[in-house]
Amino acid sequence: MLNLFLGLGIVIIGFFITIKSDWILKNLGATAWAEDKLGMYGGSRLLYQMLGVMIILLGFTIMFSLWQGMALSASRIFMRD
């Protein structure tokens, strides 16, 4: 039950980061790396939106208890039999 509420909270945070990316851009400013690599105008905004979507996906992963299987699969990449 804790995973459900924790995941839902993380999804809500990611949703607001995605929706309010313009507000975040005005308050935090543009990043030179994002403007250079992700586009001329709006690269930082795109970076904030991508960060929000990644947080939403992390929230759903935690909400539906998929993170344990993903961590196990990722650990098998680095560990050999």
Protein backbone atom coordinates (compact mmCIF):
# COMPACT_ATOMS: atom_id res chain seq x y z
CA MET A 1 0.00 0.00 0.00
CA LEU A 2 2.93 2.30 0.71
CA ASN A 3 4.23 1.73 -2.83
CA LEU A 4 0.91 2.91 -4.22
CA PHE A 5 0.90 6.23 -2.36
CA LEU A 6 4.63 6.83 -2.81
CA GLY A 7 4.38 6.13 -6.53
CA LEU A 8 1.31 8.33 -6.86
CA GLY A 9 3.11 11.18 -5.13
CA ILE A 10 6.08 10.82 -7.46
CA VAL A 11 3.77 10.75 -10.49
CA ILE A 12 2.09 13.96 -9.32
CA ILE A 13 5.47 15.67 -8.85
CA GLY A 14 6.56 14.57 -12.34
CA PHE A 15 3.26 15.76 -13.78
CA PHE A 16 3.72 19.24 -12.33
CA ILE A 17 7.34 19.39 -13.52
CA THR A 18 6.15 18.51 -17.02
CA ILE A 19 3.23 20.92 -17.03
CA LYS A 20 5.04 23.81 -15.34
CA SER A 21 8.29 23.53 -17.33
CA ASP A 22 7.95 27.15 -18.50
CA TRP A 23 7.66 28.37 -14.91
CA ILE A 24 10.69 26.26 -13.93
CA LEU A 25 12.61 27.70 -16.87
CA LYS A 26 11.81 31.26 -15.79
CA ASN A 27 12.89 30.59 -12.19
CA LEU A 28 15.93 28.35 -12.72
CA GLY A 29 17.06 29.68 -16.06
CA ALA A 30 18.35 27.98 -19.17
CA THR A 31 21.15 25.44 -19.17
CA ALA A 32 23.86 25.85 -21.77
CA TRP A 33 24.19 22.10 -22.33
CA ALA A 34 20.47 21.67 -23.06
CA GLU A 35 20.37 24.65 -25.39
CA ASP A 36 23.39 23.32 -27.28
CA LYS A 37 22.37 19.66 -27.50
CA LEU A 38 18.56 19.76 -27.56
CA GLY A 39 17.79 22.71 -29.81
CA MET A 40 18.25 26.41 -30.39
CA TYR A 41 15.28 27.75 -28.44
CA GLY A 42 13.47 25.59 -25.94
CA GLY A 43 16.20 23.07 -25.27
CA SER A 44 16.07 23.74 -21.53
CA ARG A 45 12.30 23.54 -21.56
CA LEU A 46 12.53 20.20 -23.35
CA LEU A 47 15.06 19.01 -20.77
CA TYR A 48 12.68 19.90 -17.92
CA GLN A 49 9.80 18.15 -19.68
CA MET A 50 11.89 15.03 -20.31
CA LEU A 51 12.93 15.05 -16.65
CA GLY A 52 9.25 15.24 -15.66
CA VAL A 53 8.31 12.33 -17.90
CA MET A 54 11.17 10.25 -16.51
CA ILE A 55 9.96 11.01 -12.97
CA ILE A 56 6.42 9.98 -13.98
CA LEU A 57 7.74 6.68 -15.34
CA LEU A 58 9.71 6.14 -12.13
CA GLY A 59 6.54 6.80 -10.14
CA PHE A 60 4.55 4.24 -12.12
CA THR A 61 7.39 1.76 -11.71
CA ILE A 62 7.29 2.20 -7.95
CA MET A 63 3.49 2.26 -7.84
CA PHE A 64 3.12 -1.10 -9.55
CA SER A 65 6.17 -2.66 -7.83
CA LEU A 66 8.07 -3.13 -11.07
CA TRP A 67 11.30 -1.60 -9.75
CA GLN A 68 12.41 -4.84 -8.08
CA GLY A 69 12.31 -6.79 -11.33
CA MET A 70 14.00 -3.96 -13.21
CA ALA A 71 16.78 -3.74 -10.62
CA LEU A 72 17.28 -7.49 -10.78
CA SER A 73 17.45 -7.43 -14.57
CA ALA A 74 19.87 -4.51 -14.52
CA SER A 75 22.09 -6.26 -12.00
CA ARG A 76 22.29 -9.34 -14.24
CA ILE A 77 23.87 -7.21 -16.94
CA PHE A 78 26.85 -6.52 -14.71
CA MET A 79 27.07 -9.90 -13.00
CA ARG A 80 28.21 -12.96 -14.89
CA ASP A 81 27.45 -16.56 -14.00
